[in-house]
Amino acid sequence: MRARTVLTVLFMLLLIACGNDAADGDPTATTTEPPTPTTSAESGPLVGRGEVELVDEGYGFTEGPQWMAEDGVLLFTDLDNDTIYQLAADDEIMVFRMPSNYSNGLAIDPEGRLVAAEAGARRVTRTESDGTVTPIAARFHGAPLNEPNDVVVRSDGTIYFTDPTFGMAQPELDFRGIFRIAPDGDLTAERRGDATEAPNGLALSPDESLLYVTNYAADLVWVMDVAADGSLSEARTFVTTGVGPDGVAVDDAGDLFVATGSGIEVFAPDGSRWGDIPVPRTPANCTFGGADGRTLFITAEEGLYRVTLANPGPY
C-alpha cells in the first residue's frame, strides 16, 4: 500500500507538470471536463444483475413499454407498424390495438386505465374500462399539439407528457413543450422550449417530488421539482448522457435508467454514475415489470429485451 501511495503521488506531480507545460506552451490549450463520477462497483442496482435476454424481434421500431400489474402483462408499441402489442407471462405476444395512431409512450393511471401519447393523432388519450378511447389533450390555446411523445402519471391522476416534434407533422405551436394535465382535465404548458429542444422520456422519483425529463437534442436529463398541486419548477440539468437520451425509468431506490446510444445508462439519485447495461440494439425506452418488479423491459429498434436487476421499480 505504501509503495502504491508513493507511485500515485509521483504520477499526480507528473500530470500537474505536464498540464502546466501545455498551458504555458500553447495558449489555445483547453482542459477536459472531468467525467461524471462513478459510484462504487461493489454496490448498487447493477450488482448481481442477470444477462440481457432477447424476448422477441422482427418489429419496425419498438417503444413505450408499460407493465400492466393487474393483468400481469407488458404493453409496448411498434411505431413503424402503428401497433400496440401485449406480452403475456408465457411470452406469448399478441396485438393489443391496431391501428394505434402511432402511439409512442404509454402509462397507467390510478384506476388502471391506459394513457397513450398518440404521436400520429397529435393527442393524449385514455382507454376507459369499457374499451372506449377518450382524448384528454389534443389542442393548446386552439392549436394542435406537436407530437406527444412520452407520458407519466402521478398517484393523484396528474398526467405529464412531452411534446417535441420529429417530423410527423408540421408544428403549429411555437414551442416544444412539457405539459401537465390536472386531475380536473386542465392543460398547462409547464415548459415552453424553443426549436432546439427535444423533450422526450420522463419519469417521476419514487416519492413523486421530482420529475426527470430527457432532452434528446442536447444529450442530457433535466430534473424539475414537483409542487403539491402538480406544477413544476424550472428545469435544471441533472446529468449529461450518451447520444440521444430517450426513455427513462426509475427504481424504488431512486436510481435512473436512461436509454441512450450507449445502452441503458444508470445513475444514482445524486447524479453519480453506476455504469451501463449494454444492449445488442440501440434502446429507445425501458420500464420495470414482472411479478416482483425487478425485470427491466427494454425496447430497442426491432427487438424487445429484458434483464433482471437487484432493485425493483414502480410500474
Protein backbone atom coordinates (compact mmCIF):
# COMPACT_ATOMS: atom_id res chain seq x y z
CA MET A 1 0.00 0.00 0.00
CA ARG A 2 2.80 2.44 0.85
CA ALA A 3 4.61 1.81 -2.46
CA ARG A 4 1.35 2.35 -4.35
CA THR A 5 0.81 5.63 -2.47
CA VAL A 6 4.27 6.90 -3.42
CA LEU A 7 3.72 5.99 -7.08
CA THR A 8 0.35 7.72 -7.03
CA VAL A 9 1.88 10.93 -5.69
CA LEU A 10 4.66 10.87 -8.30
CA PHE A 11 2.10 10.28 -11.04
CA MET A 12 -0.01 13.21 -9.88
CA LEU A 13 3.05 15.50 -9.80
CA LEU A 14 3.89 14.44 -13.34
CA LEU A 15 0.36 15.22 -14.50
CA ILE A 16 0.49 18.67 -12.91
CA ALA A 17 3.85 19.42 -14.54
CA CYS A 18 2.61 18.29 -17.95
CA GLY A 19 -0.53 20.36 -17.56
CA ASN A 20 1.49 23.48 -16.73
CA ASP A 21 3.78 22.91 -19.72
CA ALA A 22 0.80 22.57 -22.07
CA ALA A 23 -0.79 25.75 -20.79
CA ASP A 24 2.49 27.70 -20.98
CA GLY A 25 3.48 26.44 -24.41
CA ASP A 26 0.11 26.57 -26.16
CA PRO A 27 -2.19 29.49 -25.34
CA THR A 28 -5.07 27.67 -27.08
CA ALA A 29 -4.78 24.57 -24.92
CA THR A 30 -8.00 23.62 -23.14
CA THR A 31 -8.75 21.40 -20.20
CA THR A 32 -11.12 18.48 -20.41
CA GLU A 33 -14.18 18.40 -18.18
CA PRO A 34 -13.96 15.60 -15.63
CA PRO A 35 -16.21 12.61 -16.31
CA THR A 36 -19.37 12.02 -14.34
CA PRO A 37 -18.27 10.44 -11.04
CA THR A 38 -18.72 6.68 -10.83
CA THR A 39 -20.09 5.11 -7.68
CA SER A 40 -18.64 2.01 -6.06
CA ALA A 41 -18.77 -1.06 -8.27
CA GLU A 42 -19.34 -3.18 -5.17
CA SER A 43 -22.86 -1.94 -4.53
CA GLY A 44 -25.85 -0.51 -6.29
CA PRO A 45 -28.51 -1.58 -8.79
CA LEU A 46 -26.16 -3.28 -11.27
CA VAL A 47 -24.62 -5.76 -8.85
CA GLY A 48 -25.89 -9.28 -9.43
CA ARG A 49 -27.95 -8.37 -12.47
CA GLY A 50 -28.81 -11.09 -14.95
CA GLU A 51 -27.98 -11.29 -18.63
CA VAL A 52 -29.82 -9.13 -21.14
CA GLU A 53 -32.23 -11.51 -22.88
CA LEU A 54 -33.93 -11.12 -26.25
CA VAL A 55 -37.67 -11.66 -25.83
CA ASP A 56 -38.71 -11.17 -29.46
CA GLU A 57 -37.68 -9.35 -32.62
CA GLY A 58 -38.87 -8.55 -36.12
CA TYR A 59 -40.67 -5.29 -35.32
CA GLY A 60 -40.31 -1.91 -37.03
CA PHE A 61 -39.34 0.33 -34.08
CA THR A 62 -40.31 -0.67 -30.55
CA GLU A 63 -41.18 1.91 -27.90
CA GLY A 64 -43.44 2.71 -24.96
CA PRO A 65 -43.09 -0.34 -22.66
CA GLN A 66 -45.59 -0.34 -19.79
CA TRP A 67 -46.27 -3.10 -17.28
CA MET A 68 -49.96 -3.79 -16.51
CA ALA A 69 -49.79 -5.16 -12.96
CA GLU A 70 -53.47 -6.08 -12.72
CA ASP A 71 -53.24 -8.35 -15.77
CA GLY A 72 -49.58 -9.37 -15.42
CA VAL A 73 -48.75 -8.35 -18.99
CA LEU A 74 -46.47 -5.88 -20.72
CA LEU A 75 -47.68 -3.49 -23.39
CA PHE A 76 -45.26 -1.99 -25.89
CA THR A 77 -45.63 -0.04 -29.11
CA ASP A 78 -44.30 -0.51 -32.63
CA LEU A 79 -44.16 2.95 -34.12
CA ASP A 80 -43.33 1.88 -37.65
CA ASN A 81 -46.25 -0.56 -37.78
CA ASP A 82 -48.80 1.59 -35.93
CA THR A 83 -49.49 -1.13 -33.35
CA ILE A 84 -49.58 -1.72 -29.60
CA TYR A 85 -48.58 -5.26 -28.63
CA GLN A 86 -49.14 -7.28 -25.47
CA LEU A 87 -46.60 -9.66 -23.94
CA ALA A 88 -48.14 -12.25 -21.62
CA ALA A 89 -46.43 -14.11 -18.77
CA ASP A 90 -45.82 -17.12 -21.02
CA ASP A 91 -44.07 -14.83 -23.55
CA GLU A 92 -46.99 -15.07 -25.97
CA ILE A 93 -47.25 -11.84 -27.93
CA MET A 94 -50.49 -10.62 -29.46
CA VAL A 95 -51.86 -7.42 -30.95
CA PHE A 96 -53.46 -5.21 -28.32
CA ARG A 97 -54.52 -2.36 -30.63
CA MET A 98 -54.06 -1.72 -34.33
CA PRO A 99 -54.07 0.94 -35.60
CA SER A 100 -52.79 2.84 -32.59
CA ASN A 101 -52.49 6.32 -34.10
CA TYR A 102 -48.73 5.75 -33.92
CA SER A 103 -48.79 5.62 -30.14
CA ASN A 104 -45.39 6.12 -28.55
CA GLY A 105 -45.23 6.35 -24.76
CA LEU A 106 -47.76 4.55 -22.54
CA ALA A 107 -48.71 4.90 -18.87
CA ILE A 108 -51.30 3.67 -16.38
CA ASP A 109 -53.49 5.99 -14.30
CA PRO A 110 -54.52 5.29 -10.68
CA GLU A 111 -57.66 3.49 -11.89
CA GLY A 112 -55.63 1.12 -14.05
CA ARG A 113 -56.60 2.78 -17.34
CA LEU A 114 -54.16 3.03 -20.22
CA VAL A 115 -52.91 6.51 -21.12
CA ALA A 116 -51.24 6.81 -24.54
CA ALA A 117 -49.23 9.53 -26.27
CA GLU A 118 -50.62 9.19 -29.80
CA ALA A 119 -47.97 10.90 -31.91
CA GLY A 120 -49.81 10.34 -35.18
CA ALA A 121 -53.08 11.84 -33.95
CA ARG A 122 -51.25 14.61 -32.04
CA ARG A 123 -53.11 13.86 -28.84
CA VAL A 124 -53.04 12.08 -25.48
CA THR A 125 -55.81 9.56 -24.82
CA ARG A 126 -57.21 7.41 -22.04
CA THR A 127 -58.74 3.97 -22.61
CA GLU A 128 -61.82 3.58 -20.43
CA SER A 129 -62.78 0.34 -18.69
CA ASP A 130 -65.24 -0.45 -21.49
CA GLY A 131 -62.53 -0.01 -24.16
CA THR A 132 -63.64 3.45 -25.29
CA VAL A 133 -60.71 5.71 -26.21
CA THR A 134 -61.17 9.21 -24.80
CA PRO A 135 -58.99 12.15 -25.94
CA ILE A 136 -57.78 14.08 -22.88
CA ALA A 137 -55.39 16.54 -24.59
CA ALA A 138 -55.29 17.46 -28.27
CA ARG A 139 -55.01 21.24 -28.59
CA PHE A 140 -53.40 24.05 -26.63
CA HIS A 141 -54.80 27.57 -26.99
CA GLY A 142 -56.57 26.46 -30.15
CA ALA A 143 -53.54 24.93 -31.90
CA PRO A 144 -52.89 21.20 -32.31
CA LEU A 145 -50.21 19.65 -30.14
CA ASN A 146 -46.90 18.92 -31.89
CA GLU A 147 -46.25 15.21 -31.45
CA PRO A 148 -46.94 13.79 -27.95
CA ASN A 149 -44.02 11.50 -27.23
CA ASP A 150 -43.98 10.06 -23.73
CA VAL A 151 -46.23 10.19 -20.69
CA VAL A 152 -46.21 9.50 -16.95
CA VAL A 153 -48.99 9.67 -14.34
CA ARG A 154 -48.75 10.79 -10.72
CA SER A 155 -50.62 8.88 -8.00
CA ASP A 156 -53.30 11.61 -7.78
CA GLY A 157 -54.05 11.31 -11.52
CA THR A 158 -51.94 14.26 -12.71
CA ILE A 159 -50.52 13.46 -16.16
CA TYR A 160 -47.24 14.80 -17.56
CA PHE A 161 -46.28 14.41 -21.20
CA THR A 162 -43.62 15.67 -23.57
CA ASP A 163 -44.47 17.28 -26.90
CA PRO A 164 -41.44 17.61 -29.21
CA THR A 165 -41.54 17.24 -32.98
CA PHE A 166 -39.71 14.63 -35.02
CA GLY A 167 -41.22 15.38 -38.42
CA MET A 168 -44.55 13.52 -38.32
CA ALA A 169 -46.48 16.79 -38.78
CA GLN A 170 -45.84 20.47 -39.33
CA PRO A 171 -45.84 22.05 -35.84
CA GLU A 172 -48.28 24.87 -35.21
CA LEU A 173 -47.21 25.61 -31.65
CA ASP A 174 -44.15 27.86 -31.48
CA PHE A 175 -42.52 25.82 -28.70
CA ARG A 176 -41.52 22.29 -27.73
CA GLY A 177 -43.40 21.56 -24.55
CA ILE A 178 -43.61 19.70 -21.31
CA PHE A 179 -47.29 19.61 -20.37
CA ARG A 180 -49.36 18.83 -17.30
CA ILE A 181 -52.96 17.61 -17.31
CA ALA A 182 -54.53 18.20 -13.89
CA PRO A 183 -56.99 15.65 -12.47
CA ASP A 184 -59.82 18.00 -13.47
CA GLY A 185 -58.59 17.97 -17.09
CA ASP A 186 -56.98 21.42 -17.14
CA LEU A 187 -53.98 21.52 -19.53
CA THR A 188 -50.89 23.60 -18.64
CA ALA A 189 -47.65 24.10 -20.55
CA GLU A 190 -45.06 23.71 -17.79
CA ARG A 191 -42.11 24.36 -20.11
CA ARG A 192 -42.08 26.14 -23.46
CA GLY A 193 -38.77 25.30 -25.04
CA ASP A 194 -37.52 26.58 -28.36
CA ALA A 195 -36.96 24.58 -31.53
CA THR A 196 -33.50 23.44 -30.36
CA GLU A 197 -35.06 21.34 -27.58
CA ALA A 198 -36.49 17.84 -27.87
CA PRO A 199 -38.14 16.86 -24.56
CA ASN A 200 -38.61 13.12 -24.71
CA GLY A 201 -38.78 10.46 -21.98
CA LEU A 202 -39.90 11.27 -18.46
CA ALA A 203 -40.29 9.61 -15.07
CA LEU A 204 -41.17 10.57 -11.52
CA SER A 205 -38.97 9.93 -8.50
CA PRO A 206 -40.33 7.31 -6.05
CA ASP A 207 -41.74 9.99 -3.73
CA GLU A 208 -43.06 11.98 -6.74
CA SER A 209 -41.22 15.11 -5.62
CA LEU A 210 -39.08 15.21 -8.78
CA LEU A 211 -39.77 14.82 -12.49
CA TYR A 212 -36.92 13.70 -14.75
CA VAL A 213 -37.12 14.57 -18.45
CA THR A 214 -34.63 13.70 -21.17
CA ASN A 215 -33.65 16.28 -23.78
CA TYR A 216 -32.88 14.13 -26.82
CA ALA A 217 -31.32 17.06 -28.70
CA ALA A 218 -28.81 18.04 -26.01
CA ASP A 219 -27.76 14.66 -24.56
CA LEU A 220 -28.88 15.43 -21.03
CA VAL A 221 -31.52 14.76 -18.41
CA TRP A 222 -33.37 17.61 -16.72
CA VAL A 223 -34.84 17.43 -13.24
CA MET A 224 -37.78 19.55 -12.07
CA ASP A 225 -39.31 19.92 -8.62
CA VAL A 226 -42.96 18.87 -8.38
CA ALA A 227 -45.17 21.04 -6.18
CA ALA A 228 -48.13 19.75 -4.21
CA ASP A 229 -50.53 20.99 -6.90
CA GLY A 230 -48.51 19.20 -9.61
CA SER A 231 -46.89 22.30 -11.08
CA LEU A 232 -43.20 22.12 -11.98
CA SER A 233 -40.16 24.26 -11.21
CA GLU A 234 -37.71 25.47 -13.82
CA ALA A 235 -35.73 22.63 -15.34
CA ARG A 236 -32.12 22.19 -14.30
CA THR A 237 -29.56 19.77 -15.70
CA PHE A 238 -29.37 16.55 -13.69
CA VAL A 239 -26.81 14.58 -15.75
CA THR A 240 -25.28 14.56 -19.20
CA THR A 241 -25.57 11.30 -21.12
CA GLY A 242 -24.51 9.50 -24.25
CA VAL A 243 -26.04 10.39 -27.59
CA GLY A 244 -29.81 10.67 -27.86
CA PRO A 245 -31.27 10.07 -24.38
CA ASP A 246 -34.79 8.75 -24.89
CA GLY A 247 -36.95 6.84 -22.42
CA VAL A 248 -36.19 6.72 -18.70
CA ALA A 249 -37.23 4.56 -15.75
CA VAL A 250 -36.61 4.92 -12.01
CA ASP A 251 -36.28 2.08 -9.50
CA ASP A 252 -37.58 2.11 -5.92
CA ALA A 253 -34.20 3.36 -4.66
CA GLY A 254 -34.38 6.40 -6.96
CA ASP A 255 -31.77 5.20 -9.47
CA LEU A 256 -32.30 6.37 -13.07
CA PHE A 257 -32.14 4.05 -16.08
CA VAL A 258 -31.78 6.08 -19.27
CA ALA A 259 -31.98 4.64 -22.79
CA THR A 260 -29.24 6.20 -24.95
CA GLY A 261 -26.98 5.34 -27.84
CA SER A 262 -24.62 3.80 -25.26
CA GLY A 263 -27.19 1.32 -23.92
CA ILE A 264 -29.04 1.77 -20.64
CA GLU A 265 -27.05 4.31 -18.62
CA VAL A 266 -27.64 4.08 -14.87
CA PHE A 267 -27.33 6.98 -12.42
CA ALA A 268 -27.73 7.26 -8.66
CA PRO A 269 -30.20 9.78 -7.17
CA ASP A 270 -27.31 12.22 -6.60
CA GLY A 271 -26.34 12.10 -10.29
CA SER A 272 -23.27 9.93 -9.89
CA ARG A 273 -22.93 7.15 -12.41
CA TRP A 274 -23.38 3.47 -11.60
CA GLY A 275 -22.48 2.26 -15.11
CA ASP A 276 -24.14 0.92 -18.26
CA ILE A 277 -26.24 -2.05 -19.30
CA PRO A 278 -25.13 -2.96 -22.84
CA VAL A 279 -27.98 -3.84 -25.21
CA PRO A 280 -27.46 -5.54 -28.61
CA ARG A 281 -29.58 -2.89 -30.32
CA THR A 282 -29.86 0.83 -29.53
CA PRO A 283 -32.54 1.14 -26.84
CA ALA A 284 -35.37 3.65 -27.07
CA ASN A 285 -37.15 3.08 -23.77
CA CYS A 286 -37.38 0.90 -20.66
CA THR A 287 -39.72 0.13 -17.78
CA PHE A 288 -39.91 -2.07 -14.70
CA GLY A 289 -42.29 -5.01 -14.52
CA GLY A 290 -42.66 -8.68 -13.75
CA ALA A 291 -44.19 -10.31 -10.70
CA ASP A 292 -41.58 -8.85 -8.32
CA GLY A 293 -40.91 -5.61 -10.21
CA ARG A 294 -37.26 -6.50 -10.78
CA THR A 295 -37.46 -7.08 -14.54
CA LEU A 296 -36.36 -4.16 -16.69
CA PHE A 297 -38.02 -4.44 -20.10
CA ILE A 298 -36.13 -2.65 -22.87
CA THR A 299 -37.46 -1.66 -26.29
CA ALA A 300 -34.64 -1.40 -28.83
CA GLU A 301 -35.17 -0.88 -32.56
CA GLU A 302 -36.57 -4.15 -33.97
CA GLY A 303 -36.39 -6.00 -30.65
CA LEU A 304 -37.78 -6.37 -27.14
CA TYR A 305 -35.34 -7.29 -24.35
CA ARG A 306 -35.38 -7.84 -20.60
CA VAL A 307 -32.91 -8.10 -17.75
CA THR A 308 -33.31 -8.94 -14.05
CA LEU A 309 -31.99 -6.27 -11.67
CA ALA A 310 -31.17 -6.03 -7.98
CA ASN A 311 -33.83 -3.46 -7.06
CA PRO A 312 -37.50 -3.42 -8.09
CA GLY A 313 -39.08 -0.41 -9.70
CA PRO A 314 -42.58 1.06 -9.70
CA TYR A 315 -44.93 0.08 -12.51
